[in-house]
PDB file of N, CA and C in Angstrom:
ATOM      1  N   MET A   1     -15.140 -22.506 -22.084  1.00  0.00           N
ATOM      2  CA  MET A   1     -13.885 -22.842 -21.531  1.00  0.00           C
ATOM      3  C   MET A   1     -13.968 -24.262 -21.013  1.00  0.00           C
ATOM      4  N   SER A   2     -12.964 -25.045 -21.299  1.00  0.00           N
ATOM      5  CA  SER A   2     -12.944 -26.451 -20.875  1.00  0.00           C
ATOM      6  C   SER A   2     -12.718 -26.514 -19.383  1.00  0.00           C
ATOM      7  N   GLN A   3     -13.099 -27.668 -18.811  1.00  0.00           N
ATOM      8  CA  GLN A   3     -12.935 -27.903 -17.357  1.00  0.00           C
ATOM      9  C   GLN A   3     -11.428 -27.830 -17.021  1.00  0.00           C
ATOM     10  N   GLN A   4     -10.583 -28.354 -17.883  1.00  0.00           N
ATOM     11  CA  GLN A   4      -9.163 -28.331 -17.650  1.00  0.00           C
ATOM     12  C   GLN A   4      -8.644 -26.879 -17.616  1.00  0.00           C
ATOM     13  N   ASP A   5      -9.092 -26.043 -18.554  1.00  0.00           N
ATOM     14  CA  ASP A   5      -8.714 -24.648 -18.602  1.00  0.00           C
ATOM     15  C   ASP A   5      -9.174 -23.909 -17.342  1.00  0.00           C
ATOM     16  N   GLN A   6     -10.401 -24.188 -16.940  1.00  0.00           N
ATOM     17  CA  GLN A   6     -10.959 -23.562 -15.730  1.00  0.00           C
ATOM     18  C   GLN A   6     -10.076 -23.877 -14.492  1.00  0.00           C
ATOM     19  N   ARG A   7      -9.778 -25.161 -14.367  1.00  0.00           N
ATOM     20  CA  ARG A   7      -8.977 -25.589 -13.201  1.00  0.00           C
ATOM     21  C   ARG A   7      -7.583 -24.939 -13.247  1.00  0.00           C
ATOM     22  N   HIS A   8      -6.991 -24.867 -14.453  1.00  0.00           N
ATOM     23  CA  HIS A   8      -5.663 -24.224 -14.565  1.00  0.00           C
ATOM     24  C   HIS A   8      -5.742 -22.757 -14.129  1.00  0.00           C
ATOM     25  N   LEU A   9      -6.738 -22.020 -14.557  1.00  0.00           N
ATOM     26  CA  LEU A   9      -6.856 -20.617 -14.160  1.00  0.00           C
ATOM     27  C   LEU A   9      -7.017 -20.483 -12.666  1.00  0.00           C
ATOM     28  N   GLU A  10      -7.814 -21.369 -12.076  1.00  0.00           N
ATOM     29  CA  GLU A  10      -7.989 -21.345 -10.617  1.00  0.00           C
ATOM     30  C   GLU A  10      -6.637 -21.652  -9.931  1.00  0.00           C
ATOM     31  N   GLU A  11      -5.932 -22.611 -10.439  1.00  0.00           N
ATOM     32  CA  GLU A  11      -4.620 -22.956  -9.843  1.00  0.00           C
ATOM     33  C   GLU A  11      -3.665 -21.811  -9.969  1.00  0.00           C
ATOM     34  N   VAL A  12      -3.734 -21.075 -11.038  1.00  0.00           N
ATOM     35  CA  VAL A  12      -2.841 -19.942 -11.221  1.00  0.00           C
ATOM     36  C   VAL A  12      -3.094 -18.872 -10.117  1.00  0.00           C
ATOM     37  N   LEU A  13      -4.372 -18.522  -9.889  1.00  0.00           N
ATOM     38  CA  LEU A  13      -4.638 -17.519  -8.910  1.00  0.00           C
ATOM     39  C   LEU A  13      -4.462 -18.026  -7.482  1.00  0.00           C
ATOM     40  N   VAL A  14      -4.839 -19.242  -7.197  1.00  0.00           N
ATOM     41  CA  VAL A  14      -4.627 -19.744  -5.827  1.00  0.00           C
ATOM     42  C   VAL A  14      -3.092 -19.935  -5.601  1.00  0.00           C
ATOM     43  N   GLY A  15      -2.393 -20.403  -6.630  1.00  0.00           N
ATOM     44  CA  GLY A  15      -0.961 -20.496  -6.512  1.00  0.00           C
ATOM     45  C   GLY A  15      -0.304 -19.153  -6.232  1.00  0.00           C
ATOM     46  N   THR A  16      -0.836 -18.136  -6.855  1.00  0.00           N
ATOM     47  CA  THR A  16      -0.378 -16.789  -6.625  1.00  0.00           C
ATOM     48  C   THR A  16      -0.649 -16.353  -5.206  1.00  0.00           C
ATOM     49  N   LEU A  17      -1.882 -16.662  -4.741  1.00  0.00           N
ATOM     50  CA  LEU A  17      -2.215 -16.310  -3.333  1.00  0.00           C
ATOM     51  C   LEU A  17      -1.247 -16.946  -2.354  1.00  0.00           C
ATOM     52  N   LEU A  18      -0.833 -18.177  -2.649  1.00  0.00           N
ATOM     53  CA  LEU A  18       0.074 -18.891  -1.739  1.00  0.00           C
ATOM     54  C   LEU A  18       1.491 -18.401  -1.868  1.00  0.00           C
ATOM     55  N   ALA A  19       1.937 -18.114  -3.071  1.00  0.00           N
ATOM     56  CA  ALA A  19       3.345 -17.815  -3.299  1.00  0.00           C
ATOM     57  C   ALA A  19       3.683 -16.319  -3.117  1.00  0.00           C
ATOM     58  N   SER A  20       2.719 -15.460  -3.250  1.00  0.00           N
ATOM     59  CA  SER A  20       3.032 -14.010  -3.274  1.00  0.00           C
ATOM     60  C   SER A  20       2.084 -13.244  -2.358  1.00  0.00           C
ATOM     61  N   LYS A  21       2.613 -12.928  -1.166  1.00  0.00           N
ATOM     62  CA  LYS A  21       1.812 -12.177  -0.203  1.00  0.00           C
ATOM     63  C   LYS A  21       1.431 -10.796  -0.743  1.00  0.00           C
ATOM     64  N   GLU A  22       2.212 -10.235  -1.609  1.00  0.00           N
ATOM     65  CA  GLU A  22       1.958  -8.863  -2.125  1.00  0.00           C
ATOM     66  C   GLU A  22       0.710  -8.774  -2.988  1.00  0.00           C
ATOM     67  N   TYR A  23       0.259  -9.906  -3.534  1.00  0.00           N
ATOM     68  CA  TYR A  23      -0.931  -9.838  -4.397  1.00  0.00           C
ATOM     69  C   TYR A  23      -2.224 -10.390  -3.699  1.00  0.00           C
ATOM     70  N   ARG A  24      -2.088 -10.757  -2.429  1.00  0.00           N
ATOM     71  CA  ARG A  24      -3.264 -11.327  -1.763  1.00  0.00           C
ATOM     72  C   ARG A  24      -4.449 -10.381  -1.687  1.00  0.00           C
ATOM     73  N   ASP A  25      -4.206  -9.157  -1.255  1.00  0.00           N
ATOM     74  CA  ASP A  25      -5.344  -8.210  -1.138  1.00  0.00           C
ATOM     75  C   ASP A  25      -6.000  -7.954  -2.551  1.00  0.00           C
ATOM     76  N   LEU A  26      -5.212  -7.808  -3.513  1.00  0.00           N
ATOM     77  CA  LEU A  26      -5.699  -7.620  -4.876  1.00  0.00           C
ATOM     78  C   LEU A  26      -6.623  -8.792  -5.278  1.00  0.00           C
ATOM     79  N   ILE A  27      -6.120  -9.981  -5.154  1.00  0.00           N
ATOM     80  CA  ILE A  27      -6.903 -11.153  -5.561  1.00  0.00           C
ATOM     81  C   ILE A  27      -8.183 -11.276  -4.751  1.00  0.00           C
ATOM     82  N   PHE A  28      -8.105 -11.125  -3.447  1.00  0.00           N
ATOM     83  CA  PHE A  28      -9.323 -11.232  -2.636  1.00  0.00           C
ATOM     84  C   PHE A  28     -10.283 -10.108  -2.934  1.00  0.00           C
ATOM     85  N   ASN A  29      -9.802  -8.939  -3.350  1.00  0.00           N
ATOM     86  CA  ASN A  29     -10.714  -7.820  -3.648  1.00  0.00           C
ATOM     87  C   ASN A  29     -11.435  -7.961  -4.976  1.00  0.00           C
ATOM     88  N   ILE A  30     -10.860  -8.727  -5.924  1.00  0.00           N
ATOM     89  CA  ILE A  30     -11.473  -8.752  -7.246  1.00  0.00           C
ATOM     90  C   ILE A  30     -12.074 -10.141  -7.562  1.00  0.00           C
ATOM     91  N   THR A  31     -12.015 -11.088  -6.593  1.00  0.00           N
ATOM     92  CA  THR A  31     -12.579 -12.408  -6.813  1.00  0.00           C
ATOM     93  C   THR A  31     -13.475 -12.765  -5.639  1.00  0.00           C
ATOM     94  N   ASP A  32     -14.274 -13.808  -5.819  1.00  0.00           N
ATOM     95  CA  ASP A  32     -15.042 -14.389  -4.714  1.00  0.00           C
ATOM     96  C   ASP A  32     -15.056 -15.925  -4.934  1.00  0.00           C
ATOM     97  N   ALA A  33     -15.591 -16.603  -3.972  1.00  0.00           N
ATOM     98  CA  ALA A  33     -15.513 -18.059  -4.023  1.00  0.00           C
ATOM     99  C   ALA A  33     -16.245 -18.676  -5.214  1.00  0.00           C
ATOM    100  N   THR A  34     -17.252 -17.984  -5.752  1.00  0.00           N
ATOM    101  CA  THR A  34     -17.950 -18.542  -6.951  1.00  0.00           C
ATOM    102  C   THR A  34     -17.071 -18.624  -8.175  1.00  0.00           C
ATOM    103  N   HIS A  35     -15.954 -17.904  -8.132  1.00  0.00           N
ATOM    104  CA  HIS A  35     -15.038 -17.928  -9.278  1.00  0.00           C
ATOM    105  C   HIS A  35     -14.150 -19.163  -9.276  1.00  0.00           C
ATOM    106  N   PHE A  36     -14.210 -19.936  -8.185  1.00  0.00           N
ATOM    107  CA  PHE A  36     -13.318 -21.092  -7.975  1.00  0.00           C
ATOM    108  C   PHE A  36     -14.100 -22.374  -7.713  1.00  0.00           C
ATOM    109  N   PRO A  37     -14.848 -22.868  -8.667  1.00  0.00           N
ATOM    110  CA  PRO A  37     -15.677 -24.065  -8.439  1.00  0.00           C
ATOM    111  C   PRO A  37     -14.820 -25.312  -8.104  1.00  0.00           C
ATOM    112  N   ASN A  38     -13.640 -25.418  -8.635  1.00  0.00           N
ATOM    113  CA  ASN A  38     -12.781 -26.576  -8.337  1.00  0.00           C
ATOM    114  C   ASN A  38     -11.987 -26.404  -7.072  1.00  0.00           C
ATOM    115  N   LEU A  39     -11.605 -25.207  -6.765  1.00  0.00           N
ATOM    116  CA  LEU A  39     -10.786 -24.923  -5.560  1.00  0.00           C
ATOM    117  C   LEU A  39     -11.575 -24.100  -4.516  1.00  0.00           C
ATOM    118  N   HIS A  40     -12.864 -24.182  -4.572  1.00  0.00           N
ATOM    119  CA  HIS A  40     -13.719 -23.426  -3.700  1.00  0.00           C
ATOM    120  C   HIS A  40     -13.332 -23.571  -2.229  1.00  0.00           C
ATOM    121  N   PRO A  41     -13.110 -24.763  -1.669  1.00  0.00           N
ATOM    122  CA  PRO A  41     -12.721 -24.863  -0.248  1.00  0.00           C
ATOM    123  C   PRO A  41     -11.391 -24.223   0.050  1.00  0.00           C
ATOM    124  N   VAL A  42     -10.457 -24.321  -0.886  1.00  0.00           N
ATOM    125  CA  VAL A  42      -9.158 -23.758  -0.684  1.00  0.00           C
ATOM    126  C   VAL A  42      -9.239 -22.248  -0.620  1.00  0.00           C
ATOM    127  N   TYR A  43      -9.983 -21.662  -1.597  1.00  0.00           N
ATOM    128  CA  TYR A  43     -10.179 -20.220  -1.638  1.00  0.00           C
ATOM    129  C   TYR A  43     -10.839 -19.735  -0.380  1.00  0.00           C
ATOM    130  N   LEU A  44     -11.899 -20.391   0.070  1.00  0.00           N
ATOM    131  CA  LEU A  44     -12.622 -19.955   1.271  1.00  0.00           C
ATOM    132  C   LEU A  44     -11.751 -20.048   2.513  1.00  0.00           C
ATOM    133  N   GLU A  45     -10.972 -21.112   2.646  1.00  0.00           N
ATOM    134  CA  GLU A  45     -10.102 -21.250   3.812  1.00  0.00           C
ATOM    135  C   GLU A  45      -8.992 -20.189   3.763  1.00  0.00           C
ATOM    136  N   ALA A  46      -8.450 -19.906   2.607  1.00  0.00           N
ATOM    137  CA  ALA A  46      -7.402 -18.871   2.475  1.00  0.00           C
ATOM    138  C   ALA A  46      -8.013 -17.536   2.846  1.00  0.00           C
ATOM    139  N   CYS A  47      -9.203 -17.287   2.394  1.00  0.00           N
ATOM    140  CA  CYS A  47      -9.867 -16.018   2.720  1.00  0.00           C
ATOM    141  C   CYS A  47     -10.093 -15.888   4.221  1.00  0.00           C
ATOM    142  N   GLN A  48     -10.601 -16.985   4.798  1.00  0.00           N
ATOM    143  CA  GLN A  48     -10.883 -16.951   6.267  1.00  0.00           C
ATOM    144  C   GLN A  48      -9.590 -16.749   7.070  1.00  0.00           C
ATOM    145  N   GLN A  49      -8.527 -17.427   6.678  1.00  0.00           N
ATOM    146  CA  GLN A  49      -7.257 -17.246   7.403  1.00  0.00           C
ATOM    147  C   GLN A  49      -6.712 -15.857   7.186  1.00  0.00           C
ATOM    148  N   HIS A  50      -6.846 -15.319   5.962  1.00  0.00           N
ATOM    149  CA  HIS A  50      -6.376 -13.961   5.687  1.00  0.00           C
ATOM    150  C   HIS A  50      -7.107 -12.912   6.531  1.00  0.00           C
ATOM    151  N   VAL A  51      -8.392 -13.021   6.567  1.00  0.00           N
ATOM    152  CA  VAL A  51      -9.196 -12.127   7.352  1.00  0.00           C
ATOM    153  C   VAL A  51      -8.860 -12.240   8.847  1.00  0.00           C
ATOM    154  N   GLY A  52      -8.530 -13.467   9.269  1.00  0.00           N
ATOM    155  CA  GLY A  52      -8.179 -13.690  10.654  1.00  0.00           C
ATOM    156  C   GLY A  52      -6.738 -13.306  11.029  1.00  0.00           C
ATOM    157  N   GLY A  53      -6.021 -12.773  10.047  1.00  0.00           N
ATOM    158  CA  GLY A  53      -4.686 -12.342  10.315  1.00  0.00           C
ATOM    159  C   GLY A  53      -3.618 -13.381  10.262  1.00  0.00           C
ATOM    160  N   VAL A  54      -3.970 -14.612   9.759  1.00  0.00           N
ATOM    161  CA  VAL A  54      -3.010 -15.702   9.646  1.00  0.00           C
ATOM    162  C   VAL A  54      -2.217 -15.472   8.365  1.00  0.00           C
ATOM    163  N   LEU A  55      -0.912 -15.596   8.457  1.00  0.00           N
ATOM    164  CA  LEU A  55      -0.081 -15.571   7.254  1.00  0.00           C
ATOM    165  C   LEU A  55      -0.076 -16.974   6.681  1.00  0.00           C
ATOM    166  N   PHE A  56      -1.150 -17.273   5.939  1.00  0.00           N
ATOM    167  CA  PHE A  56      -1.352 -18.659   5.483  1.00  0.00           C
ATOM    168  C   PHE A  56      -0.372 -19.097   4.487  1.00  0.00           C
ATOM    169  N   ASN A  57      -0.249 -20.450   4.399  1.00  0.00           N
ATOM    170  CA  ASN A  57       0.597 -21.096   3.435  1.00  0.00           C
ATOM    171  C   ASN A  57       0.003 -22.471   3.156  1.00  0.00           C
ATOM    172  N   GLU A  58       0.701 -23.283   2.359  1.00  0.00           N
ATOM    173  CA  GLU A  58       0.156 -24.586   2.028  1.00  0.00           C
ATOM    174  C   GLU A  58      -0.073 -25.441   3.266  1.00  0.00           C
ATOM    175  N   ASP A  59       0.728 -25.321   4.276  1.00  0.00           N
ATOM    176  CA  ASP A  59       0.573 -26.112   5.471  1.00  0.00           C
ATOM    177  C   ASP A  59      -0.604 -25.680   6.306  1.00  0.00           C
ATOM    178  N   THR A  60      -0.811 -24.379   6.479  1.00  0.00           N
ATOM    179  CA  THR A  60      -1.939 -23.901   7.283  1.00  0.00           C
ATOM    180  C   THR A  60      -3.270 -24.213   6.592  1.00  0.00           C
ATOM    181  N   LEU A  61      -3.278 -24.176   5.263  1.00  0.00           N
ATOM    182  CA  LEU A  61      -4.519 -24.445   4.533  1.00  0.00           C
ATOM    183  C   LEU A  61      -4.788 -25.942   4.552  1.00  0.00           C
ATOM    184  N   SER A  62      -3.822 -26.748   4.246  1.00  0.00           N
ATOM    185  CA  SER A  62      -4.063 -28.189   4.193  1.00  0.00           C
ATOM    186  C   SER A  62      -4.442 -28.753   5.514  1.00  0.00           C
ATOM    187  N   ALA A  63      -3.967 -28.161   6.603  1.00  0.00           N
ATOM    188  CA  ALA A  63      -4.330 -28.623   7.935  1.00  0.00           C
ATOM    189  C   ALA A  63      -5.813 -28.488   8.183  1.00  0.00           C
ATOM    190  N   MET A  64      -6.442 -27.585   7.478  1.00  0.00           N
ATOM    191  CA  MET A  64      -7.905 -27.342   7.680  1.00  0.00           C
ATOM    192  C   MET A  64      -8.747 -28.007   6.573  1.00  0.00           C
ATOM    193  N   LEU A  65      -8.092 -28.576   5.556  1.00  0.00           N
ATOM    194  CA  LEU A  65      -8.818 -29.131   4.388  1.00  0.00           C
ATOM    195  C   LEU A  65      -8.471 -30.601   4.216  1.00  0.00           C
ATOM    196  N   GLU A  66      -9.454 -31.418   4.155  1.00  0.00           N
ATOM    197  CA  GLU A  66      -9.255 -32.864   4.050  1.00  0.00           C
ATOM    198  C   GLU A  66      -8.758 -33.271   2.649  1.00  0.00           C
ATOM    199  N   ASN A  67      -9.294 -32.640   1.612  1.00  0.00           N
ATOM    200  CA  ASN A  67      -9.073 -33.119   0.241  1.00  0.00           C
ATOM    201  C   ASN A  67      -7.978 -32.390  -0.513  1.00  0.00           C
ATOM    202  N   PHE A  68      -7.206 -31.528   0.165  1.00  0.00           N
ATOM    203  CA  PHE A  68      -6.153 -30.795  -0.504  1.00  0.00           C
ATOM    204  C   PHE A  68      -4.872 -30.912   0.298  1.00  0.00           C
ATOM    205  N   SER A  69      -3.947 -31.687  -0.191  1.00  0.00           N
ATOM    206  CA  SER A  69      -2.705 -31.906   0.575  1.00  0.00           C
ATOM    207  C   SER A  69      -1.750 -30.721   0.456  1.00  0.00           C
ATOM    208  N   SER A  70      -0.896 -30.647   1.423  1.00  0.00           N
ATOM    209  CA  SER A  70       0.137 -29.629   1.429  1.00  0.00           C
ATOM    210  C   SER A  70       1.011 -29.704   0.161  1.00  0.00           C
ATOM    211  N   SER A  71       1.313 -30.942  -0.270  1.00  0.00           N
ATOM    212  CA  SER A  71       2.156 -31.103  -1.449  1.00  0.00           C
ATOM    213  C   SER A  71       1.448 -30.580  -2.714  1.00  0.00           C
ATOM    214  N   TYR A  72       0.121 -30.846  -2.863  1.00  0.00           N
ATOM    215  CA  TYR A  72      -0.644 -30.327  -4.002  1.00  0.00           C
ATOM    216  C   TYR A  72      -0.598 -28.784  -3.952  1.00  0.00           C
ATOM    217  N   LEU A  73      -0.825 -28.222  -2.830  1.00  0.00           N
ATOM    218  CA  LEU A  73      -0.891 -26.731  -2.691  1.00  0.00           C
ATOM    219  C   LEU A  73       0.514 -26.140  -2.971  1.00  0.00           C
ATOM    220  N   LEU A  74       1.551 -26.875  -2.580  1.00  0.00           N
ATOM    221  CA  LEU A  74       2.931 -26.433  -2.891  1.00  0.00           C
ATOM    222  C   LEU A  74       3.171 -26.516  -4.387  1.00  0.00           C
ATOM    223  N   ASP A  75       2.715 -27.607  -4.999  1.00  0.00           N
ATOM    224  CA  ASP A  75       2.892 -27.802  -6.454  1.00  0.00           C
ATOM    225  C   ASP A  75       2.255 -26.704  -7.308  1.00  0.00           C
ATOM    226  N   ILE A  76       1.051 -26.269  -6.914  1.00  0.00           N
ATOM    227  CA  ILE A  76       0.347 -25.275  -7.750  1.00  0.00           C
ATOM    228  C   ILE A  76       1.010 -23.880  -7.662  1.00  0.00           C
ATOM    229  N   GLN A  77       1.852 -23.680  -6.726  1.00  0.00           N
ATOM    230  CA  GLN A  77       2.560 -22.392  -6.624  1.00  0.00           C
ATOM    231  C   GLN A  77       3.459 -22.135  -7.813  1.00  0.00           C
ATOM    232  N   ILE A  78       3.844 -23.195  -8.502  1.00  0.00           N
ATOM    233  CA  ILE A  78       4.667 -23.021  -9.697  1.00  0.00           C
ATOM    234  C   ILE A  78       3.901 -22.243 -10.809  1.00  0.00           C
ATOM    235  N   ASN A  79       2.562 -22.289 -10.722  1.00  0.00           N
ATOM    236  CA  ASN A  79       1.705 -21.587 -11.680  1.00  0.00           C
ATOM    237  C   ASN A  79       1.559 -20.112 -11.405  1.00  0.00           C
ATOM    238  N   MET A  80       2.073 -19.657 -10.316  1.00  0.00           N
ATOM    239  CA  MET A  80       1.814 -18.240  -9.907  1.00  0.00           C
ATOM    240  C   MET A  80       2.280 -17.293 -10.987  1.00  0.00           C
ATOM    241  N   ILE A  81       1.596 -16.159 -11.003  1.00  0.00           N
ATOM    242  CA  ILE A  81       1.956 -15.113 -11.956  1.00  0.00           C
ATOM    243  C   ILE A  81       2.239 -13.853 -11.175  1.00  0.00           C
ATOM    244  N   ALA A  82       3.006 -12.950 -11.774  1.00  0.00           N
ATOM    245  CA  ALA A  82       3.326 -11.672 -11.147  1.00  0.00           C
ATOM    246  C   ALA A  82       2.802 -10.569 -12.046  1.00  0.00           C
ATOM    247  N   GLY A  83       2.287  -9.565 -11.435  1.00  0.00           N
ATOM    248  CA  GLY A  83       1.856  -8.418 -12.189  1.00  0.00           C
ATOM    249  C   GLY A  83       0.350  -8.237 -12.020  1.00  0.00           C
ATOM    250  N   GLU A  84       0.004  -7.016 -11.657  1.00  0.00           N
ATOM    251  CA  GLU A  84      -1.401  -6.713 -11.425  1.00  0.00           C
ATOM    252  C   GLU A  84      -2.280  -6.891 -12.665  1.00  0.00           C
ATOM    253  N   ASP A  85      -1.793  -6.495 -13.804  1.00  0.00           N
ATOM    254  CA  ASP A  85      -2.601  -6.613 -15.050  1.00  0.00           C
ATOM    255  C   ASP A  85      -2.888  -8.084 -15.383  1.00  0.00           C
ATOM    256  N   LYS A  86      -1.875  -8.964 -15.230  1.00  0.00           N
ATOM    257  CA  LYS A  86      -2.120 -10.391 -15.532  1.00  0.00           C
ATOM    258  C   LYS A  86      -3.124 -10.958 -14.544  1.00  0.00           C
ATOM    259  N   ILE A  87      -2.939 -10.634 -13.277  1.00  0.00           N
ATOM    260  CA  ILE A  87      -3.857 -11.149 -12.261  1.00  0.00           C
ATOM    261  C   ILE A  87      -5.280 -10.669 -12.542  1.00  0.00           C
ATOM    262  N   LYS A  88      -5.432  -9.446 -12.904  1.00  0.00           N
ATOM    263  CA  LYS A  88      -6.780  -8.888 -13.215  1.00  0.00           C
ATOM    264  C   LYS A  88      -7.379  -9.597 -14.422  1.00  0.00           C
ATOM    265  N   SER A  89      -6.592  -9.874 -15.437  1.00  0.00           N
ATOM    266  CA  SER A  89      -7.134 -10.533 -16.636  1.00  0.00           C
ATOM    267  C   SER A  89      -7.537 -11.980 -16.303  1.00  0.00           C
ATOM    268  N   TYR A  90      -6.764 -12.708 -15.565  1.00  0.00           N
ATOM    269  CA  TYR A  90      -7.152 -14.072 -15.135  1.00  0.00           C
ATOM    270  C   TYR A  90      -8.409 -13.997 -14.308  1.00  0.00           C
ATOM    271  N   ALA A  91      -8.480 -13.081 -13.362  1.00  0.00           N
ATOM    272  CA  ALA A  91      -9.669 -12.969 -12.510  1.00  0.00           C
ATOM    273  C   ALA A  91     -10.931 -12.632 -13.351  1.00  0.00           C
ATOM    274  N   LYS A  92     -10.731 -11.807 -14.344  1.00  0.00           N
ATOM    275  CA  LYS A  92     -11.878 -11.424 -15.185  1.00  0.00           C
ATOM    276  C   LYS A  92     -12.410 -12.649 -15.961  1.00  0.00           C
ATOM    277  N   ILE A  93     -11.522 -13.491 -16.458  1.00  0.00           N
ATOM    278  CA  ILE A  93     -11.948 -14.689 -17.146  1.00  0.00           C
ATOM    279  C   ILE A  93     -12.726 -15.575 -16.189  1.00  0.00           C
ATOM    280  N   LEU A  94     -12.226 -15.777 -14.973  1.00  0.00           N
ATOM    281  CA  LEU A  94     -12.968 -16.592 -13.999  1.00  0.00           C
ATOM    282  C   LEU A  94     -14.294 -16.011 -13.654  1.00  0.00           C
ATOM    283  N   LYS A  95     -14.343 -14.668 -13.485  1.00  0.00           N
ATOM    284  CA  LYS A  95     -15.614 -14.007 -13.169  1.00  0.00           C
ATOM    285  C   LYS A  95     -16.616 -14.145 -14.286  1.00  0.00           C
ATOM    286  N   ASP A  96     -16.149 -13.930 -15.528  1.00  0.00           N
ATOM    287  CA  ASP A  96     -17.061 -14.055 -16.667  1.00  0.00           C
ATOM    288  C   ASP A  96     -17.602 -15.478 -16.769  1.00  0.00           C
ATOM    289  N   THR A  97     -16.752 -16.474 -16.548  1.00  0.00           N
ATOM    290  CA  THR A  97     -17.172 -17.884 -16.568  1.00  0.00           C
ATOM    291  C   THR A  97     -18.169 -18.156 -15.499  1.00  0.00           C
ATOM    292  N   ALA A  98     -17.948 -17.615 -14.270  1.00  0.00           N
ATOM    293  CA  ALA A  98     -18.909 -17.820 -13.171  1.00  0.00           C
ATOM    294  C   ALA A  98     -20.241 -17.143 -13.500  1.00  0.00           C
ATOM    295  N   ASP A  99     -20.186 -15.980 -14.129  1.00  0.00           N
ATOM    296  CA  ASP A  99     -21.411 -15.293 -14.475  1.00  0.00           C
ATOM    297  C   ASP A  99     -22.207 -16.107 -15.493  1.00  0.00           C
ATOM    298  N   ARG A 100     -21.501 -16.659 -16.479  1.00  0.00           N
ATOM    299  CA  ARG A 100     -22.176 -17.531 -17.485  1.00  0.00           C
ATOM    300  C   ARG A 100     -22.791 -18.735 -16.867  1.00  0.00           C
ATOM    301  N   ARG A 101     -22.129 -19.347 -15.906  1.00  0.00           N
ATOM    302  CA  ARG A 101     -22.685 -20.514 -15.183  1.00  0.00           C
ATOM    303  C   ARG A 101     -23.987 -20.125 -14.459  1.00  0.00           C
ATOM    304  N   ARG A 102     -23.986 -18.972 -13.834  1.00  0.00           N
ATOM    305  CA  ARG A 102     -25.198 -18.515 -13.104  1.00  0.00           C
ATOM    306  C   ARG A 102     -26.353 -18.244 -14.075  1.00  0.00           C
ATOM    307  N   ILE A 103     -26.066 -17.673 -15.207  1.00  0.00           N
ATOM    308  CA  ILE A 103     -27.070 -17.347 -16.186  1.00  0.00           C
ATOM    309  C   ILE A 103     -27.717 -18.588 -16.792  1.00  0.00           C
ATOM    310  N   THR A 104     -26.901 -19.591 -17.060  1.00  0.00           N
ATOM    311  CA  THR A 104     -27.388 -20.791 -17.742  1.00  0.00           C
ATOM    312  C   THR A 104     -28.051 -21.777 -16.800  1.00  0.00           C
ATOM    313  N   ARG A 105     -28.040 -21.545 -15.515  1.00  0.00           N
ATOM    314  CA  ARG A 105     -28.682 -22.484 -14.566  1.00  0.00           C
ATOM    315  C   ARG A 105     -30.148 -22.214 -14.459  1.00  0.00           C
TER     316      ARG A 105
END
């Protein structure tokens, strides 16, 4: 998978995390930070805020992250997807790619 494809898949799932509260538990349950090499800090901060009971959004995340602006996080929400099956398939691709990275190191 190309770097551009990887980043797009990450943006889809992080955009979904931001835009759709109903899929947050699903995404956090089937992914981990290793699946998001490009958006690792965003994913970790979203996870931390979620566990802390914060109803996070682009503003709460960007306030804690130096390299990710609120406008960028707002922009990637356009990539969000709806539907458990689609989310699971995107997450599986990211997981498989992360597993391949670990094996080849």
